[in-house]
């Protein structure tokens, strides 16, 4: 349970940094995503998911 809270806290820190430091850039990225087709967004989401799983697997393998 502690690992889940740690992960959620890290996500909130990263999201908060993006909103605090580059809100205009975030708006630009959202407009870019809106112009993409659903299949392209799905592929980006799957790639992000795969990268996240890989990073978690590596972290667990390193003893985190």
C-alpha atoms as a PDB file:
ATOM      1  CA  UNK A   1       0.000   0.000   0.000  1.00  0.00           C
ATOM      2  CA  UNK A   2       2.881   2.338   0.743  1.00  0.00           C
ATOM      3  CA  UNK A   3       4.235   1.827  -2.774  1.00  0.00           C
ATOM      4  CA  UNK A   4       0.863   2.794  -4.274  1.00  0.00           C
ATOM      5  CA  UNK A   5       0.773   5.988  -2.209  1.00  0.00           C
ATOM      6  CA  UNK A   6       4.340   6.761  -3.237  1.00  0.00           C
ATOM      7  CA  UNK A   7       3.465   6.271  -6.918  1.00  0.00           C
ATOM      8  CA  UNK A   8       0.339   8.439  -6.671  1.00  0.00           C
ATOM      9  CA  UNK A   9       2.316  11.149  -4.893  1.00  0.00           C
ATOM     10  CA  UNK A  10       4.950  11.105  -7.627  1.00  0.00           C
ATOM     11  CA  UNK A  11       2.278  11.387 -10.330  1.00  0.00           C
ATOM     12  CA  UNK A  12       0.743  14.376  -8.550  1.00  0.00           C
ATOM     13  CA  UNK A  13       4.152  16.054  -8.206  1.00  0.00           C
ATOM     14  CA  UNK A  14       4.888  15.643 -11.924  1.00  0.00           C
ATOM     15  CA  UNK A  15       1.417  16.798 -12.956  1.00  0.00           C
ATOM     16  CA  UNK A  16       1.627  19.758 -10.595  1.00  0.00           C
ATOM     17  CA  UNK A  17       5.012  20.767 -11.982  1.00  0.00           C
ATOM     18  CA  UNK A  18       3.686  20.734 -15.538  1.00  0.00           C
ATOM     19  CA  UNK A  19       0.708  22.887 -14.593  1.00  0.00           C
ATOM     20  CA  UNK A  20       2.795  25.267 -12.472  1.00  0.00           C
ATOM     21  CA  UNK A  21       5.766  25.713 -14.797  1.00  0.00           C
ATOM     22  CA  UNK A  22       4.323  25.414 -18.305  1.00  0.00           C
ATOM     23  CA  UNK A  23       0.538  25.907 -18.401  1.00  0.00           C
ATOM     24  CA  UNK A  24       0.590  27.386 -21.916  1.00  0.00           C
ATOM     25  CA  UNK A  25       2.645  24.470 -23.252  1.00  0.00           C
ATOM     26  CA  UNK A  26       0.106  22.074 -21.742  1.00  0.00           C
ATOM     27  CA  UNK A  27      -2.680  23.876 -23.600  1.00  0.00           C
ATOM     28  CA  UNK A  28      -0.701  23.560 -26.844  1.00  0.00           C
ATOM     29  CA  UNK A  29      -0.217  19.841 -26.267  1.00  0.00           C
ATOM     30  CA  UNK A  30      -3.926  19.346 -25.574  1.00  0.00           C
ATOM     31  CA  UNK A  31      -4.816  21.129 -28.819  1.00  0.00           C
ATOM     32  CA  UNK A  32      -2.316  18.918 -30.663  1.00  0.00           C
ATOM     33  CA  UNK A  33      -3.910  15.819 -29.131  1.00  0.00           C
ATOM     34  CA  UNK A  34      -7.359  17.055 -30.149  1.00  0.00           C
ATOM     35  CA  UNK A  35      -6.205  17.246 -33.790  1.00  0.00           C
ATOM     36  CA  UNK A  36      -4.950  13.640 -33.730  1.00  0.00           C
ATOM     37  CA  UNK A  37      -7.169  10.746 -34.633  1.00  0.00           C
ATOM     38  CA  UNK A  38      -8.364   8.256 -32.018  1.00  0.00           C
ATOM     39  CA  UNK A  39      -6.068   5.522 -33.324  1.00  0.00           C
ATOM     40  CA  UNK A  40      -3.021   7.764 -33.023  1.00  0.00           C
ATOM     41  CA  UNK A  41      -3.975   8.766 -29.455  1.00  0.00           C
ATOM     42  CA  UNK A  42      -4.552   5.114 -28.597  1.00  0.00           C
ATOM     43  CA  UNK A  43      -1.084   4.203 -29.883  1.00  0.00           C
ATOM     44  CA  UNK A  44       0.498   6.981 -27.798  1.00  0.00           C
ATOM     45  CA  UNK A  45      -1.416   5.756 -24.751  1.00  0.00           C
ATOM     46  CA  UNK A  46      -0.309   2.175 -25.289  1.00  0.00           C
ATOM     47  CA  UNK A  47       3.309   3.271 -25.730  1.00  0.00           C
ATOM     48  CA  UNK A  48       3.131   5.283 -22.490  1.00  0.00           C
ATOM     49  CA  UNK A  49       1.570   2.304 -20.726  1.00  0.00           C
ATOM     50  CA  UNK A  50       4.301  -0.038 -21.980  1.00  0.00           C
ATOM     51  CA  UNK A  51       7.030   2.402 -20.932  1.00  0.00           C
ATOM     52  CA  UNK A  52       5.478   2.773 -17.487  1.00  0.00           C
ATOM     53  CA  UNK A  53       5.271  -0.988 -17.002  1.00  0.00           C
ATOM     54  CA  UNK A  54       8.883  -1.336 -18.134  1.00  0.00           C
ATOM     55  CA  UNK A  55      10.032   1.331 -15.674  1.00  0.00           C
ATOM     56  CA  UNK A  56       8.103  -0.334 -12.843  1.00  0.00           C
ATOM     57  CA  UNK A  57       9.585  -3.709 -13.748  1.00  0.00           C
ATOM     58  CA  UNK A  58      13.099  -2.222 -13.784  1.00  0.00           C
ATOM     59  CA  UNK A  59      12.526  -0.465 -10.439  1.00  0.00           C
ATOM     60  CA  UNK A  60      11.292  -3.681  -8.839  1.00  0.00           C
ATOM     61  CA  UNK A  61      14.269  -5.564 -10.273  1.00  0.00           C
ATOM     62  CA  UNK A  62      16.638  -3.016  -8.764  1.00  0.00           C
ATOM     63  CA  UNK A  63      15.087  -3.542  -5.351  1.00  0.00           C
ATOM     64  CA  UNK A  64      12.850  -0.504  -5.071  1.00  0.00           C
END
